[in-house]
Amino acid sequence: MPSDNRKKFPTLFPVRETEGESDSAQREEQRPARGRRAEAPAVCQKCFGTGYEVTPGRGARRCECRTQDTRSKLLEQARIPRRYREPAPPRREACTLQNYYPAPNNGSQLKAFNYAFRLVREYPAVERGLLLMGPVGVGKTHLAVAILHGLMEKGVPCLFYEFGALLKEIQDSYNKVSNTSELGVLSPVYQAEVLVLDELGASKPTDWVRDTMMQIIGKRYNDKKLTIFTTNYMDGRRGAEETLEDRVGVRLRSRLYEMCRTVELDGDDYRKQLDTGKV
């Protein structure tokens, strides 16, 4: 009877969900339905996640998806300054050999480009690095960074340091509140498979600076590590200007002869030409 049913079952009222119950319900809704698999992450259609692409008649090779990941990691670790790593006027892309344009009728810049191109092409069958010397604005740093980009395309770990910045990091490591140590700064510099040291000789040649230069370059010299240098100082004395030997010392300049092929560049400052609108 209806009256008997009301006695047996109490009246039901809607109850607000507690916070925990609401979260639980949301998690339940987010679970895939029984018998249905969750969406799998996208898989490369060339290697199907194996990392190797099979080419008919040629065999297997490393897939582009893995190669691109490796290049990105190498670029991140190389410490190349943003100006040379990313597009910037007058370039529309990072500094590479493809966008290095020697000045018209400038044999020294063409010669330097050829040496840089050959180093990248022949690596690792290369015993000596390059010492690119010349006045400001002739493309020394562009070529040095372009070499790193070319080598990283081949999967070679590289490192870039402006010499003054490296010395500053070493000095900062002596600070008691610093989270770094001298060895922590120098270890990657010692171990880098290919290293660019930009602006060699630019720092005032105190005894500490010369000792530190000798320590860094001497270590790489003894370990036969490939190093590329750039400097604004020349070997031949020009009037009252200091030479590279004046800035780094006789011992270090002697080792550089054996470590590197010296390449002199000349020409006008391209940055000045930018300001005058000639480029």
Protein backbone atom coordinates (compact mmCIF):
# COMPACT_ATOMS: atom_id res chain seq x y z
CA MET A 1 0.00 0.00 0.00
CA PRO A 2 1.28 3.56 -0.64
CA SER A 3 1.00 4.47 3.02
CA ASP A 4 3.00 1.41 4.03
CA ASN A 5 5.77 2.25 1.52
CA ARG A 6 6.22 5.74 2.96
CA LYS A 7 6.77 4.23 6.37
CA LYS A 8 9.41 1.80 5.12
CA PHE A 9 11.49 4.31 3.07
CA PRO A 10 12.46 7.77 4.42
CA THR A 11 12.01 10.84 2.28
CA LEU A 12 15.11 11.60 0.14
CA PHE A 13 16.59 15.13 -0.19
CA PRO A 14 19.39 16.39 -2.51
CA VAL A 15 22.71 16.78 -0.65
CA ARG A 16 25.54 19.12 -1.76
CA GLU A 17 28.72 17.30 -2.67
CA THR A 18 31.73 17.77 -0.44
CA GLU A 19 34.97 18.99 -1.96
CA GLY A 20 36.55 15.54 -1.79
CA GLU A 21 33.56 13.89 -3.40
CA SER A 22 33.51 16.48 -6.20
CA ASP A 23 37.19 15.90 -7.00
CA SER A 24 36.61 12.18 -6.97
CA ALA A 25 33.75 12.53 -9.41
CA GLN A 26 35.87 14.68 -11.71
CA ARG A 27 38.65 12.13 -11.67
CA GLU A 28 36.12 9.43 -12.45
CA GLU A 29 34.87 11.43 -15.44
CA GLN A 30 38.40 11.93 -16.69
CA ARG A 31 39.15 8.22 -16.67
CA PRO A 32 38.82 6.51 -20.03
CA ALA A 33 35.77 4.33 -20.40
CA ARG A 34 36.26 0.66 -19.65
CA GLY A 35 37.56 -1.19 -22.66
CA ARG A 36 38.78 2.02 -24.30
CA ARG A 37 42.48 2.91 -24.39
CA ALA A 38 43.80 6.36 -23.47
CA GLU A 39 45.12 8.45 -26.34
CA ALA A 40 48.75 7.59 -27.09
CA PRO A 41 51.29 10.41 -27.69
CA ALA A 42 52.11 11.25 -31.29
CA VAL A 43 54.71 8.94 -32.80
CA CYS A 44 57.11 9.89 -35.59
CA GLN A 45 55.74 8.44 -38.84
CA LYS A 46 59.24 7.82 -40.20
CA CYS A 47 60.80 5.78 -37.40
CA PHE A 48 57.66 4.91 -35.36
CA GLY A 49 59.47 5.78 -32.15
CA THR A 50 62.52 3.58 -32.74
CA GLY A 51 64.86 6.47 -33.56
CA TYR A 52 65.99 4.83 -36.80
CA GLU A 53 64.52 5.24 -40.25
CA VAL A 54 64.75 2.33 -42.68
CA THR A 55 65.62 3.39 -46.21
CA PRO A 56 64.88 0.72 -48.86
CA GLY A 57 68.07 -0.52 -50.45
CA ARG A 58 70.30 1.46 -48.09
CA GLY A 59 69.57 0.18 -44.60
CA ALA A 60 68.80 2.06 -41.38
CA ARG A 61 69.89 5.56 -40.42
CA ARG A 62 69.26 7.87 -37.49
CA CYS A 63 65.85 9.49 -37.87
CA GLU A 64 65.52 13.23 -38.35
CA CYS A 65 63.31 13.51 -35.25
CA ARG A 66 66.14 12.29 -33.01
CA THR A 67 68.75 14.28 -34.91
CA GLN A 68 66.76 17.49 -34.37
CA ASP A 69 66.46 16.77 -30.64
CA THR A 70 70.22 16.24 -30.45
CA ARG A 71 70.94 19.50 -32.30
CA SER A 72 68.65 21.45 -29.98
CA LYS A 73 70.42 20.08 -26.90
CA LEU A 74 73.85 20.78 -28.36
CA LEU A 75 72.85 24.36 -29.23
CA GLU A 76 71.53 24.93 -25.72
CA GLN A 77 74.75 23.65 -24.15
CA ALA A 78 77.05 25.60 -26.48
CA ARG A 79 76.43 28.98 -24.74
CA ILE A 80 76.50 30.88 -28.04
CA PRO A 81 75.41 34.49 -27.38
CA ARG A 82 71.92 35.36 -28.54
CA ARG A 83 73.16 37.86 -31.12
CA TYR A 84 74.98 35.09 -33.00
CA ARG A 85 72.59 32.28 -32.20
CA GLU A 86 69.35 33.91 -33.38
CA PRO A 87 68.35 35.99 -36.40
CA ALA A 88 69.61 39.57 -36.22
CA PRO A 89 70.20 42.32 -38.81
CA PRO A 90 71.78 42.26 -41.29
CA ARG A 91 71.45 38.46 -41.12
CA ARG A 92 68.06 36.78 -41.31
CA GLU A 93 69.29 33.69 -39.51
CA ALA A 94 71.95 32.57 -37.05
CA CYS A 95 75.65 32.90 -37.99
CA THR A 96 76.43 30.08 -40.39
CA LEU A 97 78.86 29.43 -43.19
CA GLN A 98 75.94 29.76 -45.61
CA ASN A 99 75.35 33.40 -44.70
CA TYR A 100 78.94 34.57 -44.34
CA TYR A 101 79.64 36.86 -47.28
CA PRO A 102 83.26 38.00 -47.78
CA ALA A 103 83.57 41.63 -48.81
CA PRO A 104 83.97 42.06 -52.60
CA ASN A 105 87.56 41.57 -53.77
CA ASN A 106 88.67 40.74 -50.22
CA GLY A 107 91.00 37.76 -50.48
CA SER A 108 91.72 37.58 -46.75
CA GLN A 109 88.06 37.06 -45.82
CA LEU A 110 87.59 34.51 -48.60
CA LYS A 111 90.68 32.65 -47.39
CA ALA A 112 89.36 32.60 -43.82
CA PHE A 113 86.00 31.28 -45.03
CA ASN A 114 87.72 28.49 -46.97
CA TYR A 115 89.69 27.40 -43.90
CA ALA A 116 86.52 27.42 -41.78
CA PHE A 117 84.60 25.43 -44.39
CA ARG A 118 87.41 22.89 -44.68
CA LEU A 119 87.62 22.44 -40.90
CA VAL A 120 83.92 21.58 -40.68
CA ARG A 121 84.03 19.31 -43.70
CA GLU A 122 87.09 17.36 -42.59
CA TYR A 123 86.33 17.08 -38.88
CA PRO A 124 87.26 14.90 -36.94
CA ALA A 125 90.33 14.40 -39.15
CA VAL A 126 91.58 17.83 -38.05
CA GLU A 127 94.63 18.36 -35.87
CA ARG A 128 94.74 22.15 -35.59
CA GLY A 129 92.19 24.82 -34.86
CA LEU A 130 92.10 28.38 -36.19
CA LEU A 131 93.37 31.67 -34.84
CA LEU A 132 91.31 34.35 -36.59
CA MET A 133 92.99 37.73 -36.16
CA GLY A 134 92.10 41.11 -37.54
CA PRO A 135 90.47 44.48 -36.79
CA VAL A 136 86.94 44.79 -35.47
CA GLY A 137 83.99 44.15 -37.75
CA VAL A 138 85.57 41.85 -40.35
CA GLY A 139 83.56 38.74 -39.43
CA LYS A 140 85.90 36.81 -37.10
CA THR A 141 83.23 35.92 -34.53
CA HIS A 142 80.70 35.14 -37.26
CA LEU A 143 83.10 32.59 -38.75
CA ALA A 144 83.95 31.10 -35.36
CA VAL A 145 80.26 30.63 -34.49
CA ALA A 146 79.55 29.33 -38.00
CA ILE A 147 82.14 26.59 -37.41
CA LEU A 148 80.34 25.59 -34.21
CA HIS A 149 76.99 25.47 -36.01
CA GLY A 150 78.49 23.33 -38.76
CA LEU A 151 80.03 20.90 -36.27
CA MET A 152 76.87 20.67 -34.17
CA GLU A 153 75.01 19.70 -37.34
CA LYS A 154 77.34 16.69 -37.32
CA GLY A 155 76.51 15.97 -33.68
CA VAL A 156 79.73 17.40 -32.21
CA PRO A 157 79.47 18.98 -28.71
CA CYS A 158 80.83 22.54 -28.76
CA LEU A 159 81.26 25.46 -26.38
CA PHE A 160 81.57 29.23 -26.86
CA TYR A 161 83.12 31.68 -24.41
CA GLU A 162 84.06 35.32 -24.70
CA PHE A 163 87.40 35.35 -22.90
CA GLY A 164 86.65 38.33 -20.69
CA ALA A 165 83.36 36.77 -19.58
CA LEU A 166 85.14 33.53 -18.75
CA LEU A 167 87.69 35.36 -16.60
CA LYS A 168 84.85 37.18 -14.82
CA GLU A 169 83.12 33.87 -14.03
CA ILE A 170 86.34 32.51 -12.60
CA GLN A 171 86.76 35.60 -10.42
CA ASP A 172 83.15 35.35 -9.23
CA SER A 173 83.74 31.74 -8.20
CA TYR A 174 86.16 33.01 -5.52
CA ASN A 175 83.28 34.77 -3.76
CA LYS A 176 82.28 32.85 -0.63
CA VAL A 177 78.58 33.35 -1.31
CA SER A 178 78.91 32.08 -4.88
CA ASN A 179 77.32 28.74 -5.72
CA THR A 180 80.11 27.93 -8.18
CA SER A 181 83.72 26.89 -7.84
CA GLU A 182 86.70 27.56 -10.08
CA LEU A 183 86.76 23.92 -11.13
CA GLY A 184 83.03 24.05 -11.82
CA VAL A 185 83.61 26.91 -14.26
CA LEU A 186 86.73 25.50 -15.88
CA SER A 187 85.77 21.85 -16.17
CA PRO A 188 83.45 22.34 -19.21
CA VAL A 189 86.12 24.55 -20.83
CA TYR A 190 88.77 21.89 -20.36
CA GLN A 191 86.55 19.07 -21.57
CA ALA A 192 84.72 20.70 -24.51
CA GLU A 193 85.36 18.74 -27.67
CA VAL A 194 85.52 21.98 -29.66
CA LEU A 195 85.89 25.36 -27.97
CA VAL A 196 85.68 28.92 -29.29
CA LEU A 197 87.51 31.52 -27.19
CA ASP A 198 86.44 34.90 -28.51
CA GLU A 199 88.38 38.16 -28.01
CA LEU A 200 91.66 36.62 -26.87
CA GLY A 201 93.94 39.28 -25.40
CA ALA A 202 91.17 41.82 -24.81
CA SER A 203 91.51 41.69 -21.01
CA LYS A 204 94.24 43.74 -19.37
CA PRO A 205 97.27 41.40 -19.20
CA THR A 206 97.86 41.26 -15.45
CA ASP A 207 99.88 38.41 -13.98
CA TRP A 208 96.66 36.67 -12.90
CA VAL A 209 95.12 37.01 -16.36
CA ARG A 210 98.22 35.61 -18.07
CA ASP A 211 98.51 32.75 -15.58
CA THR A 212 94.83 31.89 -16.09
CA MET A 213 95.15 32.04 -19.89
CA MET A 214 98.17 29.77 -19.70
CA GLN A 215 96.31 27.37 -17.43
CA ILE A 216 93.28 27.11 -19.73
CA ILE A 217 95.03 27.06 -23.08
CA GLY A 218 97.92 24.95 -21.80
CA LYS A 219 95.47 22.29 -20.59
CA ARG A 220 93.75 22.09 -23.98
CA TYR A 221 97.13 22.14 -25.72
CA ASN A 222 98.33 19.14 -23.70
CA ASP A 223 95.04 17.26 -24.24
CA LYS A 224 95.08 18.04 -27.99
CA LYS A 225 91.62 19.62 -27.83
CA LEU A 226 90.47 21.56 -30.90
CA THR A 227 90.19 25.29 -30.18
CA ILE A 228 89.23 28.27 -32.32
CA PHE A 229 90.37 31.74 -31.21
CA THR A 230 89.51 35.24 -32.36
CA THR A 231 91.56 38.32 -31.53
CA ASN A 232 91.90 41.96 -32.57
CA TYR A 233 95.66 41.86 -32.01
CA MET A 234 98.06 41.05 -34.82
CA ASP A 235 101.52 39.49 -34.87
CA GLY A 236 103.30 42.29 -36.69
CA ARG A 237 103.74 45.54 -34.81
CA ARG A 238 101.85 48.44 -36.36
CA GLY A 239 103.02 51.73 -34.96
CA ALA A 240 102.26 52.00 -31.24
CA GLU A 241 99.71 49.15 -31.27
CA GLU A 242 100.41 46.12 -29.08
CA THR A 243 100.88 42.72 -30.67
CA LEU A 244 99.20 39.49 -29.66
CA GLU A 245 102.45 38.40 -28.06
CA ASP A 246 102.43 41.58 -25.96
CA ARG A 247 98.97 40.69 -24.67
CA VAL A 248 99.30 36.95 -24.01
CA GLY A 249 103.03 36.47 -23.51
CA VAL A 250 105.77 34.66 -25.44
CA ARG A 251 105.09 31.17 -24.06
CA LEU A 252 101.40 31.20 -24.87
CA ARG A 253 101.87 32.67 -28.34
CA SER A 254 104.35 29.87 -29.08
CA ARG A 255 101.78 27.22 -28.17
CA LEU A 256 99.14 28.90 -30.29
CA TYR A 257 101.36 28.45 -33.35
CA GLU A 258 101.18 24.69 -32.84
CA MET A 259 97.52 24.56 -31.78
CA CYS A 260 96.11 26.68 -34.60
CA ARG A 261 96.51 27.89 -38.13
CA THR A 262 96.85 31.66 -38.02
CA VAL A 263 94.51 33.43 -40.46
CA GLU A 264 94.60 37.22 -40.82
CA LEU A 265 91.49 39.07 -41.98
CA ASP A 266 91.30 42.69 -43.05
CA GLY A 267 88.62 45.01 -44.37
CA ASP A 268 86.19 47.68 -43.27
CA ASP A 269 84.03 47.45 -40.16
CA TYR A 270 80.69 46.08 -41.40
CA ARG A 271 78.91 47.54 -38.34
CA LYS A 272 79.98 51.00 -39.41
CA GLN A 273 78.62 50.28 -42.86
CA LEU A 274 75.29 49.32 -41.28
CA ASP A 275 75.15 52.71 -39.59
CA THR A 276 75.78 54.52 -42.87
CA GLY A 277 73.24 52.36 -44.74
CA LYS A 278 75.74 50.75 -47.09
CA VAL A 279 74.71 47.22 -46.07
